[in-house]
C-alpha cells in the first residue's frame, strides 16, 4: 500500500510529492538566480548608456546653482546698501567725531 501525502491535500503518493517539491525548489532557485542576474546586467547596461539619469539633470543643476548665486548677490547688495545707509547716518549724527575736541569744563581745585 502506498503512503499518500495528506498534508498537501493533493492525494499523490508521498515519494512523488517529495520529488515534485524538490524539483519545484530547484526550478524556483534557478529562476530567482537567473532573474537576479538579468536584473543586475540590465542595471549595469542602463548605467553605461546613461539612461538612469534624468534627461535635463544638468540644466536643473545649473538653474539651482544660478538661483543660489542670485540670492547670494542680493544678500551682498543688501548688506552694502545697509552699510552705506549706516555710514551716512553716522556722518550726519550730531555727536562729535574723533578729530573734534570737546571743551569740557574741569573743576578747579
PDB file of N, CA and C in Angstrom:
ATOM      1  N   UNK A   1       0.845  -1.171   0.000  1.00  0.00           N
ATOM      2  CA  UNK A   1       0.000   0.000   0.000  1.00  0.00           C
ATOM      3  C   UNK A   1       0.893   1.237   0.000  1.00  0.00           C
ATOM      4  N   UNK A   2       0.520   2.266  -0.775  1.00  0.00           N
ATOM      5  CA  UNK A   2       1.304   3.486  -0.909  1.00  0.00           C
ATOM      6  C   UNK A   2       0.892   4.491   0.157  1.00  0.00           C
ATOM      7  N   UNK A   3       1.906   5.279   0.614  1.00  0.00           N
ATOM      8  CA  UNK A   3       1.600   6.368   1.526  1.00  0.00           C
ATOM      9  C   UNK A   3       1.133   7.554   0.707  1.00  0.00           C
ATOM     10  N   UNK A   4       0.079   8.220   1.168  1.00  0.00           N
ATOM     11  CA  UNK A   4      -0.442   9.381   0.458  1.00  0.00           C
ATOM     12  C   UNK A   4      -0.044  10.656   1.197  1.00  0.00           C
ATOM     13  N   UNK A   5       0.183  11.697   0.426  1.00  0.00           N
ATOM     14  CA  UNK A   5       0.536  12.993   1.003  1.00  0.00           C
ATOM     15  C   UNK A   5      -0.752  13.682   1.431  1.00  0.00           C
ATOM     16  N   UNK A   6      -1.083  13.535   2.689  1.00  0.00           N
ATOM     17  CA  UNK A   6      -2.346  14.061   3.192  1.00  0.00           C
ATOM     18  C   UNK A   6      -2.217  15.561   3.514  1.00  0.00           C
ATOM     19  N   UNK A   7      -1.017  15.990   3.964  1.00  0.00           N
ATOM     20  CA  UNK A   7      -0.834  17.383   4.389  1.00  0.00           C
ATOM     21  C   UNK A   7      -1.020  18.378   3.240  1.00  0.00           C
ATOM     22  N   UNK A   8      -0.523  18.054   2.062  1.00  0.00           N
ATOM     23  CA  UNK A   8      -0.646  18.990   0.952  1.00  0.00           C
ATOM     24  C   UNK A   8      -2.037  18.938   0.328  1.00  0.00           C
ATOM     25  N   UNK A   9      -2.771  17.920   0.564  1.00  0.00           N
ATOM     26  CA  UNK A   9      -4.123  17.811   0.046  1.00  0.00           C
ATOM     27  C   UNK A   9      -4.176  17.356  -1.400  1.00  0.00           C
ATOM     28  N   UNK A  10      -3.042  16.916  -1.972  1.00  0.00           N
ATOM     29  CA  UNK A  10      -3.054  16.505  -3.371  1.00  0.00           C
ATOM     30  C   UNK A  10      -3.457  15.048  -3.524  1.00  0.00           C
ATOM     31  N   UNK A  11      -3.228  14.274  -2.505  1.00  0.00           N
ATOM     32  CA  UNK A  11      -3.549  12.864  -2.584  1.00  0.00           C
ATOM     33  C   UNK A  11      -2.553  12.075  -3.405  1.00  0.00           C
ATOM     34  N   UNK A  12      -1.402  12.677  -3.780  1.00  0.00           N
ATOM     35  CA  UNK A  12      -0.381  11.972  -4.540  1.00  0.00           C
ATOM     36  C   UNK A  12       0.396  11.067  -3.593  1.00  0.00           C
ATOM     37  N   UNK A  13       1.008  10.073  -4.152  1.00  0.00           N
ATOM     38  CA  UNK A  13       1.877   9.263  -3.306  1.00  0.00           C
ATOM     39  C   UNK A  13       2.995  10.139  -2.738  1.00  0.00           C
ATOM     40  N   UNK A  14       3.443   9.850  -1.536  1.00  0.00           N
ATOM     41  CA  UNK A  14       4.386  10.679  -0.796  1.00  0.00           C
ATOM     42  C   UNK A  14       5.713  10.851  -1.531  1.00  0.00           C
ATOM     43  N   UNK A  15       6.248   9.789  -2.138  1.00  0.00           N
ATOM     44  CA  UNK A  15       7.529   9.905  -2.830  1.00  0.00           C
ATOM     45  C   UNK A  15       7.421  10.851  -4.038  1.00  0.00           C
ATOM     46  N   UNK A  16       6.331  10.769  -4.765  1.00  0.00           N
ATOM     47  CA  UNK A  16       6.142  11.664  -5.910  1.00  0.00           C
ATOM     48  C   UNK A  16       6.004  13.120  -5.454  1.00  0.00           C
ATOM     49  N   UNK A  17       5.324  13.330  -4.337  1.00  0.00           N
ATOM     50  CA  UNK A  17       5.158  14.681  -3.800  1.00  0.00           C
ATOM     51  C   UNK A  17       6.513  15.258  -3.391  1.00  0.00           C
ATOM     52  N   UNK A  18       7.362  14.436  -2.792  1.00  0.00           N
ATOM     53  CA  UNK A  18       8.689  14.899  -2.396  1.00  0.00           C
ATOM     54  C   UNK A  18       9.534  15.227  -3.618  1.00  0.00           C
ATOM     55  N   UNK A  19       9.422  14.378  -4.649  1.00  0.00           N
ATOM     56  CA  UNK A  19      10.188  14.630  -5.871  1.00  0.00           C
ATOM     57  C   UNK A  19       9.722  15.920  -6.536  1.00  0.00           C
ATOM     58  N   UNK A  20       8.417  16.133  -6.588  1.00  0.00           N
ATOM     59  CA  UNK A  20       7.910  17.326  -7.253  1.00  0.00           C
ATOM     60  C   UNK A  20       8.242  18.584  -6.449  1.00  0.00           C
ATOM     61  N   UNK A  21       8.248  18.487  -5.121  1.00  0.00           N
ATOM     62  CA  UNK A  21       8.601  19.664  -4.325  1.00  0.00           C
ATOM     63  C   UNK A  21      10.093  19.963  -4.447  1.00  0.00           C
ATOM     64  N   UNK A  22      10.930  18.934  -4.560  1.00  0.00           N
ATOM     65  CA  UNK A  22      12.365  19.148  -4.756  1.00  0.00           C
ATOM     66  C   UNK A  22      12.613  19.780  -6.122  1.00  0.00           C
ATOM     67  N   UNK A  23      11.907  19.308  -7.136  1.00  0.00           N
ATOM     68  CA  UNK A  23      12.051  19.876  -8.466  1.00  0.00           C
ATOM     69  C   UNK A  23      11.561  21.329  -8.474  1.00  0.00           C
ATOM     70  N   UNK A  24      10.500  21.564  -7.753  1.00  0.00           N
ATOM     71  CA  UNK A  24       9.981  22.931  -7.671  1.00  0.00           C
ATOM     72  C   UNK A  24      10.984  23.863  -6.992  1.00  0.00           C
ATOM     73  N   UNK A  25      11.605  23.400  -5.923  1.00  0.00           N
ATOM     74  CA  UNK A  25      12.600  24.212  -5.221  1.00  0.00           C
ATOM     75  C   UNK A  25      13.796  24.514  -6.116  1.00  0.00           C
ATOM     76  N   UNK A  26      14.228  23.530  -6.873  1.00  0.00           N
ATOM     77  CA  UNK A  26      15.361  23.731  -7.793  1.00  0.00           C
ATOM     78  C   UNK A  26      14.980  24.736  -8.883  1.00  0.00           C
ATOM     79  N   UNK A  27      13.788  24.547  -9.468  1.00  0.00           N
ATOM     80  CA  UNK A  27      13.338  25.460 -10.515  1.00  0.00           C
ATOM     81  C   UNK A  27      13.176  26.884  -9.969  1.00  0.00           C
ATOM     82  N   UNK A  28      12.678  26.992  -8.761  1.00  0.00           N
ATOM     83  CA  UNK A  28      12.494  28.296  -8.135  1.00  0.00           C
ATOM     84  C   UNK A  28      13.843  28.977  -7.888  1.00  0.00           C
ATOM     85  N   UNK A  29      14.820  28.212  -7.403  1.00  0.00           N
ATOM     86  CA  UNK A  29      16.151  28.759  -7.146  1.00  0.00           C
ATOM     87  C   UNK A  29      16.835  29.185  -8.445  1.00  0.00           C
ATOM     88  N   UNK A  30      16.743  28.331  -9.459  1.00  0.00           N
ATOM     89  CA  UNK A  30      17.360  28.655 -10.750  1.00  0.00           C
ATOM     90  C   UNK A  30      16.687  29.883 -11.360  1.00  0.00           C
ATOM     91  N   UNK A  31      15.397  29.954 -11.294  1.00  0.00           N
ATOM     92  CA  UNK A  31      14.667  31.101 -11.846  1.00  0.00           C
ATOM     93  C   UNK A  31      14.996  32.393 -11.116  1.00  0.00           C
ATOM     94  N   UNK A  32      15.045  32.330  -9.778  1.00  0.00           N
ATOM     95  CA  UNK A  32      15.371  33.528  -8.996  1.00  0.00           C
ATOM     96  C   UNK A  32      16.794  33.988  -9.282  1.00  0.00           C
ATOM     97  N   UNK A  33      17.725  33.060  -9.406  1.00  0.00           N
ATOM     98  CA  UNK A  33      19.113  33.404  -9.701  1.00  0.00           C
ATOM     99  C   UNK A  33      19.227  34.017 -11.093  1.00  0.00           C
ATOM    100  N   UNK A  34      18.548  33.422 -12.055  1.00  0.00           N
ATOM    101  CA  UNK A  34      18.589  33.958 -13.422  1.00  0.00           C
ATOM    102  C   UNK A  34      17.982  35.356 -13.470  1.00  0.00           C
ATOM    103  N   UNK A  35      16.879  35.552 -12.763  1.00  0.00           N
ATOM    104  CA  UNK A  35      16.242  36.862 -12.741  1.00  0.00           C
ATOM    105  C   UNK A  35      17.148  37.903 -12.096  1.00  0.00           C
ATOM    106  N   UNK A  36      17.788  37.553 -10.985  1.00  0.00           N
ATOM    107  CA  UNK A  36      18.705  38.481 -10.315  1.00  0.00           C
ATOM    108  C   UNK A  36      19.869  38.849 -11.223  1.00  0.00           C
ATOM    109  N   UNK A  37      20.393  37.852 -11.938  1.00  0.00           N
ATOM    110  CA  UNK A  37      21.494  38.115 -12.865  1.00  0.00           C
ATOM    111  C   UNK A  37      21.082  39.034 -13.988  1.00  0.00           C
ATOM    112  N   UNK A  38      19.902  38.804 -14.564  1.00  0.00           N
ATOM    113  CA  UNK A  38      19.424  39.671 -15.646  1.00  0.00           C
ATOM    114  C   UNK A  38      19.129  41.074 -15.144  1.00  0.00           C
ATOM    115  N   UNK A  39      18.605  41.190 -13.931  1.00  0.00           N
ATOM    116  CA  UNK A  39      18.319  42.500 -13.357  1.00  0.00           C
ATOM    117  C   UNK A  39      19.613  43.286 -13.158  1.00  0.00           C
ATOM    118  N   UNK A  40      20.642  42.631 -12.633  1.00  0.00           N
ATOM    119  CA  UNK A  40      21.936  43.284 -12.435  1.00  0.00           C
ATOM    120  C   UNK A  40      22.543  43.718 -13.778  1.00  0.00           C
ATOM    121  N   UNK A  41      22.486  42.822 -14.751  1.00  0.00           N
ATOM    122  CA  UNK A  41      23.033  43.152 -16.071  1.00  0.00           C
ATOM    123  C   UNK A  41      22.282  44.333 -16.692  1.00  0.00           C
ATOM    124  N   UNK A  42      20.981  44.378 -16.500  1.00  0.00           N
ATOM    125  CA  UNK A  42      20.188  45.494 -17.009  1.00  0.00           C
ATOM    126  C   UNK A  42      20.551  46.807 -16.336  1.00  0.00           C
ATOM    127  N   UNK A  43      20.785  46.781 -15.019  1.00  0.00           N
ATOM    128  CA  UNK A  43      21.181  47.993 -14.306  1.00  0.00           C
ATOM    129  C   UNK A  43      22.535  48.495 -14.787  1.00  0.00           C
ATOM    130  N   UNK A  44      23.477  47.568 -14.985  1.00  0.00           N
ATOM    131  CA  UNK A  44      24.806  47.952 -15.465  1.00  0.00           C
ATOM    132  C   UNK A  44      24.703  48.548 -16.866  1.00  0.00           C
ATOM    133  N   UNK A  45      23.947  47.909 -17.732  1.00  0.00           N
ATOM    134  CA  UNK A  45      23.786  48.397 -19.100  1.00  0.00           C
ATOM    135  C   UNK A  45      23.123  49.777 -19.117  1.00  0.00           C
ATOM    136  N   UNK A  46      22.098  49.966 -18.298  1.00  0.00           N
ATOM    137  CA  UNK A  46      21.420  51.260 -18.227  1.00  0.00           C
ATOM    138  C   UNK A  46      22.365  52.336 -17.707  1.00  0.00           C
ATOM    139  N   UNK A  47      23.179  51.977 -16.743  1.00  0.00           N
ATOM    140  CA  UNK A  47      24.137  52.941 -16.203  1.00  0.00           C
ATOM    141  C   UNK A  47      25.180  53.324 -17.247  1.00  0.00           C
ATOM    142  N   UNK A  48      25.670  52.338 -17.992  1.00  0.00           N
ATOM    143  CA  UNK A  48      26.670  52.605 -19.029  1.00  0.00           C
ATOM    144  C   UNK A  48      26.085  53.477 -20.127  1.00  0.00           C
ATOM    145  N   UNK A  49      24.856  53.228 -20.518  1.00  0.00           N
ATOM    146  CA  UNK A  49      24.215  54.007 -21.572  1.00  0.00           C
ATOM    147  C   UNK A  49      23.744  55.373 -21.091  1.00  0.00           C
ATOM    148  N   UNK A  50      23.718  55.571 -19.775  1.00  0.00           N
ATOM    149  CA  UNK A  50      23.331  56.864 -19.232  1.00  0.00           C
ATOM    150  C   UNK A  50      21.847  57.117 -19.215  1.00  0.00           C
ATOM    151  N   UNK A  51      21.052  56.065 -19.216  1.00  0.00           N
ATOM    152  CA  UNK A  51      19.598  56.269 -19.237  1.00  0.00           C
ATOM    153  C   UNK A  51      18.999  56.242 -17.837  1.00  0.00           C
ATOM    154  N   UNK A  52      19.846  56.218 -16.814  1.00  0.00           N
ATOM    155  CA  UNK A  52      19.336  56.238 -15.446  1.00  0.00           C
ATOM    156  C   UNK A  52      19.251  57.657 -14.905  1.00  0.00           C
ATOM    157  N   UNK A  53      19.933  58.607 -15.547  1.00  0.00           N
ATOM    158  CA  UNK A  53      19.890  59.992 -15.089  1.00  0.00           C
ATOM    159  C   UNK A  53      18.781  60.730 -15.826  1.00  0.00           C
ATOM    160  N   UNK A  54      18.179  61.714 -15.166  1.00  0.00           N
ATOM    161  CA  UNK A  54      17.136  62.488 -15.830  1.00  0.00           C
ATOM    162  C   UNK A  54      17.690  63.212 -17.059  1.00  0.00           C
ATOM    163  N   UNK A  55      16.856  63.411 -18.017  1.00  0.00           N
ATOM    164  CA  UNK A  55      17.278  63.987 -19.294  1.00  0.00           C
ATOM    165  C   UNK A  55      17.816  65.407 -19.124  1.00  0.00           C
ATOM    166  N   UNK A  56      17.182  66.199 -18.289  1.00  0.00           N
ATOM    167  CA  UNK A  56      17.564  67.591 -18.132  1.00  0.00           C
ATOM    168  C   UNK A  56      18.236  67.849 -16.789  1.00  0.00           C
ATOM    169  N   UNK A  57      18.906  66.860 -16.232  1.00  0.00           N
ATOM    170  CA  UNK A  57      19.522  67.000 -14.912  1.00  0.00           C
ATOM    171  C   UNK A  57      20.572  68.107 -14.892  1.00  0.00           C
ATOM    172  N   UNK A  58      21.371  68.209 -15.929  1.00  0.00           N
ATOM    173  CA  UNK A  58      22.410  69.243 -15.962  1.00  0.00           C
ATOM    174  C   UNK A  58      21.782  70.643 -15.974  1.00  0.00           C
ATOM    175  N   UNK A  59      20.715  70.804 -16.727  1.00  0.00           N
ATOM    176  CA  UNK A  59      20.053  72.101 -16.789  1.00  0.00           C
ATOM    177  C   UNK A  59      19.415  72.453 -15.443  1.00  0.00           C
ATOM    178  N   UNK A  60      18.825  71.450 -14.794  1.00  0.00           N
ATOM    179  CA  UNK A  60      18.228  71.692 -13.485  1.00  0.00           C
ATOM    180  C   UNK A  60      19.291  72.068 -12.466  1.00  0.00           C
ATOM    181  N   UNK A  61      20.418  71.370 -12.479  1.00  0.00           N
ATOM    182  CA  UNK A  61      21.507  71.685 -11.553  1.00  0.00           C
ATOM    183  C   UNK A  61      22.028  73.095 -11.795  1.00  0.00           C
ATOM    184  N   UNK A  62      22.180  73.469 -13.061  1.00  0.00           N
ATOM    185  CA  UNK A  62      22.641  74.817 -13.383  1.00  0.00           C
ATOM    186  C   UNK A  62      21.637  75.873 -12.920  1.00  0.00           C
ATOM    187  N   UNK A  63      20.358  75.599 -13.092  1.00  0.00           N
ATOM    188  CA  UNK A  63      19.328  76.548 -12.675  1.00  0.00           C
ATOM    189  C   UNK A  63      19.342  76.726 -11.162  1.00  0.00           C
ATOM    190  N   UNK A  64      19.499  75.641 -10.431  1.00  0.00           N
ATOM    191  CA  UNK A  64      19.550  75.720  -8.968  1.00  0.00           C
ATOM    192  C   UNK A  64      20.781  76.499  -8.527  1.00  0.00           C
ATOM    193  N   UNK A  65      21.912  76.224  -9.145  1.00  0.00           N
ATOM    194  CA  UNK A  65      23.150  76.943  -8.830  1.00  0.00           C
ATOM    195  C   UNK A  65      23.006  78.433  -9.152  1.00  0.00           C
ATOM    196  N   UNK A  66      22.365  78.762 -10.265  1.00  0.00           N
ATOM    197  CA  UNK A  66      22.155  80.154 -10.656  1.00  0.00           C
ATOM    198  C   UNK A  66      21.257  80.868  -9.643  1.00  0.00           C
ATOM    199  N   UNK A  67      20.208  80.193  -9.178  1.00  0.00           N
ATOM    200  CA  UNK A  67      19.319  80.785  -8.187  1.00  0.00           C
ATOM    201  C   UNK A  67      20.060  81.064  -6.883  1.00  0.00           C
ATOM    202  N   UNK A  68      20.935  80.131  -6.482  1.00  0.00           N
ATOM    203  CA  UNK A  68      21.728  80.349  -5.269  1.00  0.00           C
ATOM    204  C   UNK A  68      22.654  81.541  -5.443  1.00  0.00           C
ATOM    205  N   UNK A  69      23.275  81.654  -6.613  1.00  0.00           N
ATOM    206  CA  UNK A  69      24.185  82.756  -6.885  1.00  0.00           C
ATOM    207  C   UNK A  69      23.439  84.091  -6.849  1.00  0.00           C
ATOM    208  N   UNK A  70      22.253  84.139  -7.446  1.00  0.00           N
ATOM    209  CA  UNK A  70      21.441  85.356  -7.443  1.00  0.00           C
ATOM    210  C   UNK A  70      21.064  85.730  -6.011  1.00  0.00           C
ATOM    211  N   UNK A  71      20.667  84.758  -5.217  1.00  0.00           N
ATOM    212  CA  UNK A  71      20.279  85.025  -3.827  1.00  0.00           C
ATOM    213  C   UNK A  71      21.460  85.571  -3.029  1.00  0.00           C
ATOM    214  N   UNK A  72      22.653  84.986  -3.213  1.00  0.00           N
ATOM    215  CA  UNK A  72      23.843  85.473  -2.517  1.00  0.00           C
ATOM    216  C   UNK A  72      24.180  86.891  -2.961  1.00  0.00           C
ATOM    217  N   UNK A  73      24.047  87.178  -4.255  1.00  0.00           N
ATOM    218  CA  UNK A  73      24.323  88.516  -4.771  1.00  0.00           C
ATOM    219  C   UNK A  73      23.350  89.527  -4.183  1.00  0.00           C
ATOM    220  N   UNK A  74      22.086  89.153  -4.067  1.00  0.00           N
ATOM    221  CA  UNK A  74      21.093  90.045  -3.484  1.00  0.00           C
ATOM    222  C   UNK A  74      21.406  90.325  -2.020  1.00  0.00           C
ATOM    223  N   UNK A  75      21.862  89.297  -1.298  1.00  0.00           N
ATOM    224  CA  UNK A  75      22.217  89.485   0.106  1.00  0.00           C
ATOM    225  C   UNK A  75      23.422  90.410   0.231  1.00  0.00           C
ATOM    226  N   UNK A  76      24.409  90.260  -0.654  1.00  0.00           N
ATOM    227  CA  UNK A  76      25.580  91.147  -0.634  1.00  0.00           C
ATOM    228  C   UNK A  76      25.179  92.581  -0.959  1.00  0.00           C
ATOM    229  N   UNK A  77      24.311  92.761  -1.953  1.00  0.00           N
ATOM    230  CA  UNK A  77      23.841  94.093  -2.308  1.00  0.00           C
ATOM    231  C   UNK A  77      23.090  94.735  -1.148  1.00  0.00           C
ATOM    232  N   UNK A  78      22.258  93.959  -0.472  1.00  0.00           N
ATOM    233  CA  UNK A  78      21.509  94.462   0.675  1.00  0.00           C
ATOM    234  C   UNK A  78      22.471  94.879   1.788  1.00  0.00           C
ATOM    235  N   UNK A  79      23.476  94.068   2.052  1.00  0.00           N
ATOM    236  CA  UNK A  79      24.454  94.399   3.094  1.00  0.00           C
ATOM    237  C   UNK A  79      25.213  95.673   2.730  1.00  0.00           C
ATOM    238  N   UNK A  80      25.560  95.840   1.457  1.00  0.00           N
ATOM    239  CA  UNK A  80      26.252  97.060   1.023  1.00  0.00           C
ATOM    240  C   UNK A  80      25.366  98.289   1.176  1.00  0.00           C
ATOM    241  N   UNK A  81      24.093  98.168   0.802  1.00  0.00           N
ATOM    242  CA  UNK A  81      23.168  99.303   0.946  1.00  0.00           C
ATOM    243  C   UNK A  81      22.980  99.660   2.411  1.00  0.00           C
ATOM    244  N   UNK A  82      22.847  98.639   3.270  1.00  0.00           N
ATOM    245  CA  UNK A  82      22.681  98.901   4.698  1.00  0.00           C
ATOM    246  C   UNK A  82      23.933  99.560   5.273  1.00  0.00           C
ATOM    247  N   UNK A  83      25.105  99.106   4.809  1.00  0.00           N
ATOM    248  CA  UNK A  83      26.348  99.713   5.266  1.00  0.00           C
ATOM    249  C   UNK A  83      26.454 101.165   4.841  1.00  0.00           C
ATOM    250  N   UNK A  84      26.044 101.462   3.603  1.00  0.00           N
ATOM    251  CA  UNK A  84      26.081 102.838   3.109  1.00  0.00           C
ATOM    252  C   UNK A  84      25.118 103.715   3.903  1.00  0.00           C
ATOM    253  N   UNK A  85      23.930 103.212   4.194  1.00  0.00           N
ATOM    254  CA  UNK A  85      22.969 103.973   4.991  1.00  0.00           C
ATOM    255  C   UNK A  85      23.497 104.222   6.397  1.00  0.00           C
ATOM    256  N   UNK A  86      24.142 103.225   6.972  1.00  0.00           N
ATOM    257  CA  UNK A  86      24.706 103.373   8.316  1.00  0.00           C
ATOM    258  C   UNK A  86      25.831 104.408   8.314  1.00  0.00           C
ATOM    259  N   UNK A  87      26.699 104.363   7.300  1.00  0.00           N
ATOM    260  CA  UNK A  87      27.779 105.349   7.207  1.00  0.00           C
ATOM    261  C   UNK A  87      27.210 106.757   7.040  1.00  0.00           C
ATOM    262  N   UNK A  88      26.171 106.869   6.232  1.00  0.00           N
ATOM    263  CA  UNK A  88      25.543 108.169   6.023  1.00  0.00           C
ATOM    264  C   UNK A  88      24.904 108.673   7.312  1.00  0.00           C
ATOM    265  N   UNK A  89      24.243 107.788   8.023  1.00  0.00           N
ATOM    266  CA  UNK A  89      23.605 108.178   9.282  1.00  0.00           C
ATOM    267  C   UNK A  89      24.651 108.593  10.306  1.00  0.00           C
ATOM    268  N   UNK A  90      25.772 107.901  10.360  1.00  0.00           N
ATOM    269  CA  UNK A  90      26.832 108.265  11.305  1.00  0.00           C
ATOM    270  C   UNK A  90      27.495 109.574  10.905  1.00  0.00           C
ATOM    271  N   UNK A  91      27.601 109.831   9.623  1.00  0.00           N
ATOM    272  CA  UNK A  91      28.215 111.080   9.168  1.00  0.00           C
ATOM    273  C   UNK A  91      27.340 112.278   9.513  1.00  0.00           C
ATOM    274  N   UNK A  92      26.044 112.108   9.516  1.00  0.00           N
ATOM    275  CA  UNK A  92      25.124 113.208   9.807  1.00  0.00           C
ATOM    276  C   UNK A  92      24.734 113.267  11.280  1.00  0.00           C
ATOM    277  N   UNK A  93      25.319 112.432  12.090  1.00  0.00           N
ATOM    278  CA  UNK A  93      24.954 112.367  13.505  1.00  0.00           C
ATOM    279  C   UNK A  93      25.438 113.613  14.228  1.00  0.00           C
ATOM    280  N   UNK A  94      24.720 114.063  15.249  1.00  0.00           N
ATOM    281  CA  UNK A  94      25.092 115.282  15.970  1.00  0.00           C
ATOM    282  C   UNK A  94      26.250 115.090  16.948  1.00  0.00           C
ATOM    283  N   UNK A  95      26.622 113.892  17.260  1.00  0.00           N
ATOM    284  CA  UNK A  95      27.703 113.711  18.230  1.00  0.00           C
ATOM    285  C   UNK A  95      29.058 113.958  17.584  1.00  0.00           C
ATOM    286  N   UNK A  96      30.052 114.327  18.388  1.00  0.00           N
ATOM    287  CA  UNK A  96      31.360 114.716  17.847  1.00  0.00           C
ATOM    288  C   UNK A  96      32.085 113.545  17.206  1.00  0.00           C
ATOM    289  N   UNK A  97      32.911 113.913  16.261  1.00  0.00           N
ATOM    290  CA  UNK A  97      33.714 112.903  15.590  1.00  0.00           C
ATOM    291  C   UNK A  97      35.027 112.756  16.312  1.00  0.00           C
ATOM    292  N   UNK A  98      35.840 111.847  15.884  1.00  0.00           N
ATOM    293  CA  UNK A  98      37.096 111.552  16.564  1.00  0.00           C
ATOM    294  C   UNK A  98      38.045 112.748  16.562  1.00  0.00           C
ATOM    295  N   UNK A  99      38.087 113.484  15.486  1.00  0.00           N
ATOM    296  CA  UNK A  99      39.071 114.555  15.380  1.00  0.00           C
ATOM    297  C   UNK A  99      38.646 115.833  16.105  1.00  0.00           C
ATOM    298  N   UNK A 100      37.387 115.906  16.497  1.00  0.00           N
ATOM    299  CA  UNK A 100      36.920 117.077  17.207  1.00  0.00           C
ATOM    300  C   UNK A 100      37.213 116.931  18.696  1.00  0.00           C
ATOM    301  N   UNK A 101      37.591 118.027  19.304  1.00  0.00           N
ATOM    302  CA  UNK A 101      37.885 118.036  20.740  1.00  0.00           C
ATOM    303  C   UNK A 101      36.721 118.702  21.455  1.00  0.00           C
ATOM    304  N   UNK A 102      36.309 118.076  22.526  1.00  0.00           N
ATOM    305  CA  UNK A 102      35.221 118.638  23.307  1.00  0.00           C
ATOM    306  C   UNK A 102      35.790 119.569  24.371  1.00  0.00           C
ATOM    307  N   UNK A 103      35.183 120.678  24.535  1.00  0.00           N
ATOM    308  CA  UNK A 103      35.564 121.584  25.610  1.00  0.00           C
ATOM    309  C   UNK A 103      34.693 121.280  26.818  1.00  0.00           C
ATOM    310  N   UNK A 104      35.250 120.505  27.720  1.00  0.00           N
ATOM    311  CA  UNK A 104      34.512 120.142  28.917  1.00  0.00           C
ATOM    312  C   UNK A 104      35.123 120.945  30.084  1.00  0.00           C
ATOM    313  N   UNK A 105      34.306 121.719  30.763  1.00  0.00           N
ATOM    314  CA  UNK A 105      34.869 122.476  31.875  1.00  0.00           C
ATOM    315  C   UNK A 105      35.330 121.525  32.976  1.00  0.00           C
ATOM    316  N   UNK A 106      36.490 121.826  33.511  1.00  0.00           N
ATOM    317  CA  UNK A 106      37.016 120.998  34.591  1.00  0.00           C
ATOM    318  C   UNK A 106      36.838 121.745  35.903  1.00  0.00           C
ATOM    319  N   UNK A 107      36.674 120.953  36.890  1.00  0.00           N
ATOM    320  CA  UNK A 107      36.510 121.547  38.233  1.00  0.00           C
ATOM    321  C   UNK A 107      37.887 122.070  38.694  1.00  0.00           C
ATOM    322  N   UNK A 108      37.876 123.257  39.243  1.00  0.00           N
ATOM    323  CA  UNK A 108      39.114 123.872  39.729  1.00  0.00           C
ATOM    324  C   UNK A 108      39.329 123.428  41.158  1.00  0.00           C
ATOM    325  N   UNK A 109      40.517 123.034  41.449  1.00  0.00           N
ATOM    326  CA  UNK A 109      40.783 122.569  42.800  1.00  0.00           C
ATOM    327  C   UNK A 109      41.385 123.630  43.629  1.00  0.00           C
TER     328      UNK A 109
END
